PDB file of N, CA and C in Angstrom:
ATOM      1  N   UNK A   1     -20.644  -9.670  19.473  1.00  0.00           N
ATOM      2  CA  UNK A   1     -20.066 -10.769  18.650  1.00  0.00           C
ATOM      3  C   UNK A   1     -18.619 -10.551  18.735  1.00  0.00           C
ATOM      4  N   UNK A   2     -17.919 -11.826  18.776  1.00  0.00           N
ATOM      5  CA  UNK A   2     -16.399 -11.619  18.895  1.00  0.00           C
ATOM      6  C   UNK A   2     -15.743 -11.428  17.370  1.00  0.00           C
ATOM      7  N   UNK A   3     -14.683 -10.775  17.587  1.00  0.00           N
ATOM      8  CA  UNK A   3     -13.982 -10.407  16.564  1.00  0.00           C
ATOM      9  C   UNK A   3     -13.487 -11.580  15.926  1.00  0.00           C
ATOM     10  N   UNK A   4     -13.601 -11.687  14.665  1.00  0.00           N
ATOM     11  CA  UNK A   4     -13.326 -12.613  13.728  1.00  0.00           C
ATOM     12  C   UNK A   4     -11.987 -12.466  12.708  1.00  0.00           C
ATOM     13  N   UNK A   5     -10.976 -13.399  13.022  1.00  0.00           N
ATOM     14  CA  UNK A   5      -9.763 -13.260  12.456  1.00  0.00           C
ATOM     15  C   UNK A   5      -9.690 -14.084  11.086  1.00  0.00           C
ATOM     16  N   UNK A   6      -8.698 -13.728  10.189  1.00  0.00           N
ATOM     17  CA  UNK A   6      -8.630 -14.677   8.671  1.00  0.00           C
ATOM     18  C   UNK A   6      -8.141 -15.870   9.603  1.00  0.00           C
ATOM     19  N   UNK A   7      -8.741 -17.200   8.820  1.00  0.00           N
ATOM     20  CA  UNK A   7      -8.073 -18.431   9.482  1.00  0.00           C
ATOM     21  C   UNK A   7      -7.616 -19.192   8.309  1.00  0.00           C
ATOM     22  N   UNK A   8      -8.041 -18.872   6.808  1.00  0.00           N
ATOM     23  CA  UNK A   8      -7.447 -19.635   5.695  1.00  0.00           C
ATOM     24  C   UNK A   8      -6.107 -19.374   5.183  1.00  0.00           C
ATOM     25  N   UNK A   9      -5.258 -20.106   4.794  1.00  0.00           N
ATOM     26  CA  UNK A   9      -4.152 -20.090   4.328  1.00  0.00           C
ATOM     27  C   UNK A   9      -4.223 -19.358   3.083  1.00  0.00           C
ATOM     28  N   UNK A  10      -3.259 -18.304   2.939  1.00  0.00           N
ATOM     29  CA  UNK A  10      -3.126 -17.459   1.920  1.00  0.00           C
ATOM     30  C   UNK A  10      -2.267 -18.010   0.839  1.00  0.00           C
ATOM     31  N   UNK A  11      -2.731 -18.192  -0.411  1.00  0.00           N
ATOM     32  CA  UNK A  11      -2.139 -18.604  -1.458  1.00  0.00           C
ATOM     33  C   UNK A  11      -1.271 -17.349  -2.035  1.00  0.00           C
ATOM     34  N   UNK A  12       0.403 -17.586  -1.845  1.00  0.00           N
ATOM     35  CA  UNK A  12       1.026 -16.397  -2.117  1.00  0.00           C
ATOM     36  C   UNK A  12       0.988 -15.869  -3.494  1.00  0.00           C
ATOM     37  N   UNK A  13       0.733 -17.061  -4.557  1.00  0.00           N
ATOM     38  CA  UNK A  13       0.389 -16.374  -5.881  1.00  0.00           C
ATOM     39  C   UNK A  13      -0.836 -15.433  -6.234  1.00  0.00           C
ATOM     40  N   UNK A  14      -1.570 -15.438  -5.247  1.00  0.00           N
ATOM     41  CA  UNK A  14      -2.737 -14.465  -5.094  1.00  0.00           C
ATOM     42  C   UNK A  14      -2.558 -13.317  -4.529  1.00  0.00           C
ATOM     43  N   UNK A  15      -2.769 -12.122  -5.162  1.00  0.00           N
ATOM     44  CA  UNK A  15      -2.619 -10.574  -4.345  1.00  0.00           C
ATOM     45  C   UNK A  15      -3.512 -10.608  -2.933  1.00  0.00           C
ATOM     46  N   UNK A  16      -2.923 -10.235  -1.909  1.00  0.00           N
ATOM     47  CA  UNK A  16      -4.069 -10.117  -0.755  1.00  0.00           C
ATOM     48  C   UNK A  16      -4.474  -8.837  -0.665  1.00  0.00           C
ATOM     49  N   UNK A  17      -5.959  -8.751  -0.579  1.00  0.00           N
ATOM     50  CA  UNK A  17      -6.355  -7.633  -0.259  1.00  0.00           C
ATOM     51  C   UNK A  17      -7.329  -7.484   0.838  1.00  0.00           C
ATOM     52  N   UNK A  18      -6.961  -6.610   1.861  1.00  0.00           N
ATOM     53  CA  UNK A  18      -7.919  -6.278   3.003  1.00  0.00           C
ATOM     54  C   UNK A  18      -9.225  -5.446   2.562  1.00  0.00           C
ATOM     55  N   UNK A  19     -10.348  -5.857   2.735  1.00  0.00           N
ATOM     56  CA  UNK A  19     -11.420  -5.064   2.468  1.00  0.00           C
ATOM     57  C   UNK A  19     -12.681  -5.028   3.436  1.00  0.00           C
ATOM     58  N   UNK A  20     -13.770  -4.618   3.250  1.00  0.00           N
ATOM     59  CA  UNK A  20     -14.929  -4.744   4.020  1.00  0.00           C
ATOM     60  C   UNK A  20     -15.557  -5.799   3.792  1.00  0.00           C
ATOM     61  N   UNK A  21     -16.325  -6.608   4.618  1.00  0.00           N
ATOM     62  CA  UNK A  21     -17.304  -7.574   4.344  1.00  0.00           C
ATOM     63  C   UNK A  21     -18.431  -7.444   3.221  1.00  0.00           C
ATOM     64  N   UNK A  22     -18.822  -5.722   3.130  1.00  0.00           N
ATOM     65  CA  UNK A  22     -19.815  -5.169   2.358  1.00  0.00           C
ATOM     66  C   UNK A  22     -19.259  -5.504   0.721  1.00  0.00           C
ATOM     67  N   UNK A  23     -17.841  -5.177   0.592  1.00  0.00           N
ATOM     68  CA  UNK A  23     -17.341  -5.169  -0.820  1.00  0.00           C
ATOM     69  C   UNK A  23     -17.262  -6.688  -1.190  1.00  0.00           C
ATOM     70  N   UNK A  24     -16.770  -7.395  -0.140  1.00  0.00           N
ATOM     71  CA  UNK A  24     -16.629  -9.000  -0.373  1.00  0.00           C
ATOM     72  C   UNK A  24     -18.040  -9.618  -0.749  1.00  0.00           C
ATOM     73  N   UNK A  25     -19.215  -9.079  -0.407  1.00  0.00           N
ATOM     74  CA  UNK A  25     -20.314  -9.564  -0.600  1.00  0.00           C
ATOM     75  C   UNK A  25     -20.851  -9.152  -1.973  1.00  0.00           C
ATOM     76  N   UNK A  26     -20.475  -7.746  -2.357  1.00  0.00           N
ATOM     77  CA  UNK A  26     -20.614  -7.291  -3.829  1.00  0.00           C
ATOM     78  C   UNK A  26     -19.806  -8.354  -4.701  1.00  0.00           C
ATOM     79  N   UNK A  27     -18.734  -8.691  -4.489  1.00  0.00           N
ATOM     80  CA  UNK A  27     -17.717  -9.345  -5.261  1.00  0.00           C
ATOM     81  C   UNK A  27     -18.388 -10.769  -5.505  1.00  0.00           C
ATOM     82  N   UNK A  28     -18.949 -11.414  -4.258  1.00  0.00           N
ATOM     83  CA  UNK A  28     -19.808 -12.533  -4.435  1.00  0.00           C
ATOM     84  C   UNK A  28     -20.904 -12.706  -5.152  1.00  0.00           C
ATOM     85  N   UNK A  29     -21.566 -11.546  -5.178  1.00  0.00           N
ATOM     86  CA  UNK A  29     -22.868 -11.368  -5.952  1.00  0.00           C
ATOM     87  C   UNK A  29     -22.478 -10.959  -7.272  1.00  0.00           C
ATOM     88  N   UNK A  30     -21.377 -10.632  -7.958  1.00  0.00           N
ATOM     89  CA  UNK A  30     -20.977 -10.619  -9.016  1.00  0.00           C
ATOM     90  C   UNK A  30     -20.256 -11.780  -9.804  1.00  0.00           C
ATOM     91  N   UNK A  31     -20.153 -12.778  -8.954  1.00  0.00           N
ATOM     92  CA  UNK A  31     -19.394 -13.801  -9.431  1.00  0.00           C
ATOM     93  C   UNK A  31     -19.963 -14.582 -10.628  1.00  0.00           C
ATOM     94  N   UNK A  32     -21.214 -14.677 -10.778  1.00  0.00           N
ATOM     95  CA  UNK A  32     -22.145 -15.087 -11.853  1.00  0.00           C
ATOM     96  C   UNK A  32     -21.533 -16.678 -12.279  1.00  0.00           C
ATOM     97  N   UNK A  33     -21.802 -17.373 -11.464  1.00  0.00           N
ATOM     98  CA  UNK A  33     -21.654 -18.905 -11.614  1.00  0.00           C
ATOM     99  C   UNK A  33     -20.345 -19.130 -11.568  1.00  0.00           C
ATOM    100  N   UNK A  34     -19.089 -18.545 -11.425  1.00  0.00           N
ATOM    101  CA  UNK A  34     -17.925 -18.848 -11.475  1.00  0.00           C
ATOM    102  C   UNK A  34     -17.421 -19.364 -10.255  1.00  0.00           C
ATOM    103  N   UNK A  35     -16.140 -20.191 -10.286  1.00  0.00           N
ATOM    104  CA  UNK A  35     -15.817 -20.711  -8.687  1.00  0.00           C
ATOM    105  C   UNK A  35     -15.377 -19.838  -8.063  1.00  0.00           C
ATOM    106  N   UNK A  36     -15.578 -19.914  -6.691  1.00  0.00           N
ATOM    107  CA  UNK A  36     -15.141 -19.351  -5.579  1.00  0.00           C
ATOM    108  C   UNK A  36     -14.729 -19.929  -4.513  1.00  0.00           C
ATOM    109  N   UNK A  37     -13.990 -19.552  -3.430  1.00  0.00           N
ATOM    110  CA  UNK A  37     -13.603 -20.221  -2.119  1.00  0.00           C
ATOM    111  C   UNK A  37     -14.088 -19.129  -1.119  1.00  0.00           C
ATOM    112  N   UNK A  38     -14.926 -19.415   0.011  1.00  0.00           N
ATOM    113  CA  UNK A  38     -15.014 -18.802   1.018  1.00  0.00           C
ATOM    114  C   UNK A  38     -14.915 -19.402   2.416  1.00  0.00           C
ATOM    115  N   UNK A  39     -14.386 -18.657   3.264  1.00  0.00           N
ATOM    116  CA  UNK A  39     -14.471 -19.118   4.545  1.00  0.00           C
ATOM    117  C   UNK A  39     -15.175 -18.227   5.322  1.00  0.00           C
ATOM    118  N   UNK A  40     -15.794 -19.034   6.402  1.00  0.00           N
ATOM    119  CA  UNK A  40     -16.829 -18.292   7.271  1.00  0.00           C
ATOM    120  C   UNK A  40     -16.639 -18.944   8.673  1.00  0.00           C
ATOM    121  N   UNK A  41     -17.227 -18.224   9.821  1.00  0.00           N
ATOM    122  CA  UNK A  41     -17.446 -18.941  11.327  1.00  0.00           C
ATOM    123  C   UNK A  41     -18.473 -19.662  11.105  1.00  0.00           C
ATOM    124  N   UNK A  42     -18.640 -20.792  11.464  1.00  0.00           N
ATOM    125  CA  UNK A  42     -20.158 -21.251  11.483  1.00  0.00           C
ATOM    126  C   UNK A  42     -20.718 -21.488  13.051  1.00  0.00           C
ATOM    127  N   UNK A  43     -21.890 -22.000  13.185  1.00  0.00           N
ATOM    128  CA  UNK A  43     -22.400 -22.168  14.266  1.00  0.00           C
ATOM    129  C   UNK A  43     -21.589 -22.481  15.429  1.00  0.00           C
ATOM    130  N   UNK A  44     -20.793 -23.667  15.095  1.00  0.00           N
ATOM    131  CA  UNK A  44     -19.968 -24.206  16.080  1.00  0.00           C
ATOM    132  C   UNK A  44     -18.745 -23.504  16.491  1.00  0.00           C
ATOM    133  N   UNK A  45     -18.618 -22.046  16.018  1.00  0.00           N
ATOM    134  CA  UNK A  45     -17.296 -21.138  16.206  1.00  0.00           C
ATOM    135  C   UNK A  45     -15.957 -21.705  15.492  1.00  0.00           C
ATOM    136  N   UNK A  46     -16.319 -22.531  14.512  1.00  0.00           N
ATOM    137  CA  UNK A  46     -14.948 -22.987  13.892  1.00  0.00           C
ATOM    138  C   UNK A  46     -15.245 -22.511  12.463  1.00  0.00           C
ATOM    139  N   UNK A  47     -13.962 -22.241  11.928  1.00  0.00           N
ATOM    140  CA  UNK A  47     -13.844 -21.858  10.482  1.00  0.00           C
ATOM    141  C   UNK A  47     -14.531 -22.943   9.594  1.00  0.00           C
ATOM    142  N   UNK A  48     -15.256 -22.764   8.411  1.00  0.00           N
ATOM    143  CA  UNK A  48     -15.708 -23.607   7.394  1.00  0.00           C
ATOM    144  C   UNK A  48     -15.158 -23.029   6.145  1.00  0.00           C
ATOM    145  N   UNK A  49     -14.674 -23.714   5.429  1.00  0.00           N
ATOM    146  CA  UNK A  49     -14.350 -23.112   3.973  1.00  0.00           C
ATOM    147  C   UNK A  49     -15.241 -24.009   2.982  1.00  0.00           C
ATOM    148  N   UNK A  50     -15.834 -23.350   2.006  1.00  0.00           N
ATOM    149  CA  UNK A  50     -16.311 -23.889   1.035  1.00  0.00           C
ATOM    150  C   UNK A  50     -15.989 -23.662  -0.440  1.00  0.00           C
ATOM    151  N   UNK A  51     -15.574 -24.271  -1.325  1.00  0.00           N
ATOM    152  CA  UNK A  51     -15.291 -24.241  -2.485  1.00  0.00           C
ATOM    153  C   UNK A  51     -16.530 -24.561  -3.408  1.00  0.00           C
ATOM    154  N   UNK A  52     -16.821 -23.680  -4.368  1.00  0.00           N
ATOM    155  CA  UNK A  52     -18.078 -23.975  -5.053  1.00  0.00           C
ATOM    156  C   UNK A  52     -18.511 -22.453  -5.738  1.00  0.00           C
ATOM    157  N   UNK A  53     -19.874 -22.394  -5.936  1.00  0.00           N
ATOM    158  CA  UNK A  53     -20.412 -21.363  -6.902  1.00  0.00           C
ATOM    159  C   UNK A  53     -21.512 -20.893  -5.892  1.00  0.00           C
ATOM    160  N   UNK A  54     -21.768 -19.664  -6.152  1.00  0.00           N
ATOM    161  CA  UNK A  54     -23.090 -18.816  -5.658  1.00  0.00           C
ATOM    162  C   UNK A  54     -24.080 -19.432  -6.310  1.00  0.00           C
ATOM    163  N   UNK A  55     -25.157 -19.899  -5.568  1.00  0.00           N
ATOM    164  CA  UNK A  55     -26.332 -20.691  -5.721  1.00  0.00           C
ATOM    165  C   UNK A  55     -27.142 -19.513  -6.834  1.00  0.00           C
ATOM    166  N   UNK A  56     -27.713 -19.976  -7.716  1.00  0.00           N
ATOM    167  CA  UNK A  56     -28.672 -18.829  -8.789  1.00  0.00           C
ATOM    168  C   UNK A  56     -29.785 -18.453  -8.113  1.00  0.00           C
ATOM    169  N   UNK A  57     -30.436 -19.273  -7.369  1.00  0.00           N
ATOM    170  CA  UNK A  57     -31.933 -18.548  -6.844  1.00  0.00           C
ATOM    171  C   UNK A  57     -31.513 -18.256  -5.414  1.00  0.00           C
ATOM    172  N   UNK A  58     -31.418 -16.919  -5.315  1.00  0.00           N
ATOM    173  CA  UNK A  58     -31.093 -16.419  -3.826  1.00  0.00           C
ATOM    174  C   UNK A  58     -32.601 -16.074  -3.174  1.00  0.00           C
ATOM    175  N   UNK A  59     -32.887 -16.528  -2.015  1.00  0.00           N
ATOM    176  CA  UNK A  59     -34.087 -15.862  -1.137  1.00  0.00           C
ATOM    177  C   UNK A  59     -33.471 -15.405   0.029  1.00  0.00           C
ATOM    178  N   UNK A  60     -33.232 -14.076  -0.013  1.00  0.00           N
ATOM    179  CA  UNK A  60     -32.451 -13.270   0.873  1.00  0.00           C
ATOM    180  C   UNK A  60     -33.564 -12.750   2.169  1.00  0.00           C
ATOM    181  N   UNK A  61     -34.626 -13.371   2.435  1.00  0.00           N
ATOM    182  CA  UNK A  61     -35.330 -13.476   3.395  1.00  0.00           C
ATOM    183  C   UNK A  61     -34.847 -13.289   4.784  1.00  0.00           C
ATOM    184  N   UNK A  62     -33.744 -14.317   5.014  1.00  0.00           N
ATOM    185  CA  UNK A  62     -33.072 -14.301   6.444  1.00  0.00           C
ATOM    186  C   UNK A  62     -31.788 -13.771   6.107  1.00  0.00           C
ATOM    187  N   UNK A  63     -31.307 -13.478   5.153  1.00  0.00           N
ATOM    188  CA  UNK A  63     -30.151 -12.703   4.866  1.00  0.00           C
ATOM    189  C   UNK A  63     -28.712 -13.842   4.512  1.00  0.00           C
ATOM    190  N   UNK A  64     -29.150 -14.957   4.624  1.00  0.00           N
ATOM    191  CA  UNK A  64     -28.002 -15.889   4.447  1.00  0.00           C
ATOM    192  C   UNK A  64     -27.509 -15.977   2.720  1.00  0.00           C
ATOM    193  N   UNK A  65     -26.410 -16.326   2.526  1.00  0.00           N
ATOM    194  CA  UNK A  65     -26.069 -16.537   1.279  1.00  0.00           C
ATOM    195  C   UNK A  65     -26.149 -18.181   0.874  1.00  0.00           C
ATOM    196  N   UNK A  66     -26.651 -18.419  -0.223  1.00  0.00           N
ATOM    197  CA  UNK A  66     -26.462 -19.952  -0.726  1.00  0.00           C
ATOM    198  C   UNK A  66     -25.487 -20.036  -1.705  1.00  0.00           C
ATOM    199  N   UNK A  67     -24.644 -21.026  -1.316  1.00  0.00           N
ATOM    200  CA  UNK A  67     -23.343 -21.572  -2.245  1.00  0.00           C
ATOM    201  C   UNK A  67     -23.668 -22.864  -2.600  1.00  0.00           C
ATOM    202  N   UNK A  68     -23.298 -23.174  -3.683  1.00  0.00           N
ATOM    203  CA  UNK A  68     -23.289 -24.709  -4.022  1.00  0.00           C
ATOM    204  C   UNK A  68     -22.015 -25.280  -3.775  1.00  0.00           C
ATOM    205  N   UNK A  69     -21.741 -26.208  -2.949  1.00  0.00           N
ATOM    206  CA  UNK A  69     -20.374 -26.823  -2.517  1.00  0.00           C
ATOM    207  C   UNK A  69     -20.102 -27.715  -3.435  1.00  0.00           C
ATOM    208  N   UNK A  70     -18.822 -27.963  -4.031  1.00  0.00           N
ATOM    209  CA  UNK A  70     -18.532 -28.727  -5.035  1.00  0.00           C
ATOM    210  C   UNK A  70     -17.886 -30.077  -4.370  1.00  0.00           C
ATOM    211  N   UNK A  71     -17.525 -29.934  -3.209  1.00  0.00           N
ATOM    212  CA  UNK A  71     -17.049 -31.126  -2.428  1.00  0.00           C
ATOM    213  C   UNK A  71     -18.167 -32.017  -2.237  1.00  0.00           C
ATOM    214  N   UNK A  72     -19.115 -31.592  -1.520  1.00  0.00           N
ATOM    215  CA  UNK A  72     -20.327 -32.631  -0.953  1.00  0.00           C
ATOM    216  C   UNK A  72     -21.760 -32.407  -1.773  1.00  0.00           C
ATOM    217  N   UNK A  73     -21.596 -31.564  -2.878  1.00  0.00           N
ATOM    218  CA  UNK A  73     -22.571 -31.538  -3.689  1.00  0.00           C
ATOM    219  C   UNK A  73     -23.915 -31.011  -3.064  1.00  0.00           C
ATOM    220  N   UNK A  74     -23.844 -30.080  -2.156  1.00  0.00           N
ATOM    221  CA  UNK A  74     -24.924 -29.422  -1.541  1.00  0.00           C
ATOM    222  C   UNK A  74     -24.995 -27.934  -1.535  1.00  0.00           C
ATOM    223  N   UNK A  75     -26.112 -27.600  -1.349  1.00  0.00           N
ATOM    224  CA  UNK A  75     -26.379 -26.074  -1.218  1.00  0.00           C
ATOM    225  C   UNK A  75     -26.148 -25.847   0.570  1.00  0.00           C
ATOM    226  N   UNK A  76     -25.077 -24.875   0.692  1.00  0.00           N
ATOM    227  CA  UNK A  76     -24.846 -24.422   2.052  1.00  0.00           C
ATOM    228  C   UNK A  76     -25.148 -22.840   2.468  1.00  0.00           C
ATOM    229  N   UNK A  77     -25.454 -22.659   3.438  1.00  0.00           N
ATOM    230  CA  UNK A  77     -25.927 -21.411   3.752  1.00  0.00           C
ATOM    231  C   UNK A  77     -24.887 -20.691   4.418  1.00  0.00           C
ATOM    232  N   UNK A  78     -24.326 -19.582   4.226  1.00  0.00           N
ATOM    233  CA  UNK A  78     -23.348 -18.825   4.945  1.00  0.00           C
ATOM    234  C   UNK A  78     -23.968 -17.487   5.414  1.00  0.00           C
ATOM    235  N   UNK A  79     -23.669 -17.118   6.744  1.00  0.00           N
ATOM    236  CA  UNK A  79     -24.073 -15.895   7.284  1.00  0.00           C
ATOM    237  C   UNK A  79     -22.967 -14.868   6.689  1.00  0.00           C
ATOM    238  N   UNK A  80     -23.229 -13.861   6.328  1.00  0.00           N
ATOM    239  CA  UNK A  80     -22.299 -12.783   5.988  1.00  0.00           C
ATOM    240  C   UNK A  80     -21.684 -12.030   6.730  1.00  0.00           C
ATOM    241  N   UNK A  81     -22.328 -12.078   7.986  1.00  0.00           N
ATOM    242  CA  UNK A  81     -21.529 -11.453   9.266  1.00  0.00           C
ATOM    243  C   UNK A  81     -20.422 -12.195   9.679  1.00  0.00           C
ATOM    244  N   UNK A  82     -20.292 -13.491   9.312  1.00  0.00           N
ATOM    245  CA  UNK A  82     -18.969 -14.024   9.807  1.00  0.00           C
ATOM    246  C   UNK A  82     -17.950 -14.521   8.587  1.00  0.00           C
ATOM    247  N   UNK A  83     -18.323 -13.939   7.487  1.00  0.00           N
ATOM    248  CA  UNK A  83     -17.476 -14.145   6.434  1.00  0.00           C
ATOM    249  C   UNK A  83     -16.205 -13.437   6.855  1.00  0.00           C
ATOM    250  N   UNK A  84     -14.978 -14.538   6.425  1.00  0.00           N
ATOM    251  CA  UNK A  84     -13.616 -13.744   6.784  1.00  0.00           C
ATOM    252  C   UNK A  84     -12.837 -13.952   5.465  1.00  0.00           C
ATOM    253  N   UNK A  85     -12.803 -14.654   4.494  1.00  0.00           N
ATOM    254  CA  UNK A  85     -12.055 -14.751   3.608  1.00  0.00           C
ATOM    255  C   UNK A  85     -12.927 -15.152   2.143  1.00  0.00           C
ATOM    256  N   UNK A  86     -12.530 -14.666   1.220  1.00  0.00           N
ATOM    257  CA  UNK A  86     -13.114 -14.973  -0.059  1.00  0.00           C
ATOM    258  C   UNK A  86     -11.874 -14.980  -1.111  1.00  0.00           C
ATOM    259  N   UNK A  87     -11.786 -15.915  -2.103  1.00  0.00           N
ATOM    260  CA  UNK A  87     -11.118 -15.922  -3.269  1.00  0.00           C
ATOM    261  C   UNK A  87     -11.602 -16.160  -4.381  1.00  0.00           C
ATOM    262  N   UNK A  88     -11.343 -15.437  -5.323  1.00  0.00           N
ATOM    263  CA  UNK A  88     -12.244 -15.089  -6.604  1.00  0.00           C
ATOM    264  C   UNK A  88     -11.327 -14.379  -7.648  1.00  0.00           C
ATOM    265  N   UNK A  89     -11.250 -15.114  -8.582  1.00  0.00           N
ATOM    266  CA  UNK A  89     -10.427 -14.547  -9.912  1.00  0.00           C
ATOM    267  C   UNK A  89      -8.982 -14.416  -9.640  1.00  0.00           C
ATOM    268  N   UNK A  90      -8.242 -15.195  -8.827  1.00  0.00           N
ATOM    269  CA  UNK A  90      -6.873 -14.939  -8.615  1.00  0.00           C
ATOM    270  C   UNK A  90      -6.836 -13.844  -7.616  1.00  0.00           C
ATOM    271  N   UNK A  91      -7.872 -13.402  -6.889  1.00  0.00           N
ATOM    272  CA  UNK A  91      -7.608 -12.496  -5.898  1.00  0.00           C
ATOM    273  C   UNK A  91      -8.029 -12.897  -4.359  1.00  0.00           C
ATOM    274  N   UNK A  92      -7.332 -12.893  -3.259  1.00  0.00           N
ATOM    275  CA  UNK A  92      -7.783 -13.325  -1.883  1.00  0.00           C
ATOM    276  C   UNK A  92      -8.097 -12.236  -1.180  1.00  0.00           C
ATOM    277  N   UNK A  93      -9.409 -11.872  -0.920  1.00  0.00           N
ATOM    278  CA  UNK A  93      -9.971 -10.925  -0.136  1.00  0.00           C
ATOM    279  C   UNK A  93     -10.146 -11.510   1.358  1.00  0.00           C
ATOM    280  N   UNK A  94      -9.519 -10.483   2.311  1.00  0.00           N
ATOM    281  CA  UNK A  94      -9.800 -10.745   3.667  1.00  0.00           C
ATOM    282  C   UNK A  94     -10.619  -9.516   4.193  1.00  0.00           C
ATOM    283  N   UNK A  95     -11.463 -10.174   5.254  1.00  0.00           N
ATOM    284  CA  UNK A  95     -12.301  -8.806   5.853  1.00  0.00           C
ATOM    285  C   UNK A  95     -11.492  -8.214   7.076  1.00  0.00           C
ATOM    286  N   UNK A  96     -11.491  -6.919   6.733  1.00  0.00           N
ATOM    287  CA  UNK A  96     -10.876  -6.000   7.767  1.00  0.00           C
ATOM    288  C   UNK A  96     -11.551  -6.246   9.177  1.00  0.00           C
ATOM    289  N   UNK A  97     -10.482  -6.117  10.197  1.00  0.00           N
ATOM    290  CA  UNK A  97     -11.248  -6.274  11.692  1.00  0.00           C
ATOM    291  C   UNK A  97     -12.054  -4.845  11.967  1.00  0.00           C
TER     292      UNK A  97
END
């Protein structure tokens, strides 16, 4: 798998935290229905940003994370291995290389 770099623009008012994907996933799991912004690399090798909430009913049989996108009102699947950025409660997390 290719190295994934951060592609989203950093909001300067949010503190920037470089962390592991595992910690980002833990933060995502603890979001409890609050709004989040994630950026991940899709199957087309392009960055995709989702503004929404973590879907309540998670079926982790395939390992994907379900997010409810507020922009198109659909459930979207995110591969946690391609997660690059996460913004939650005023903190912008970026995956370490």
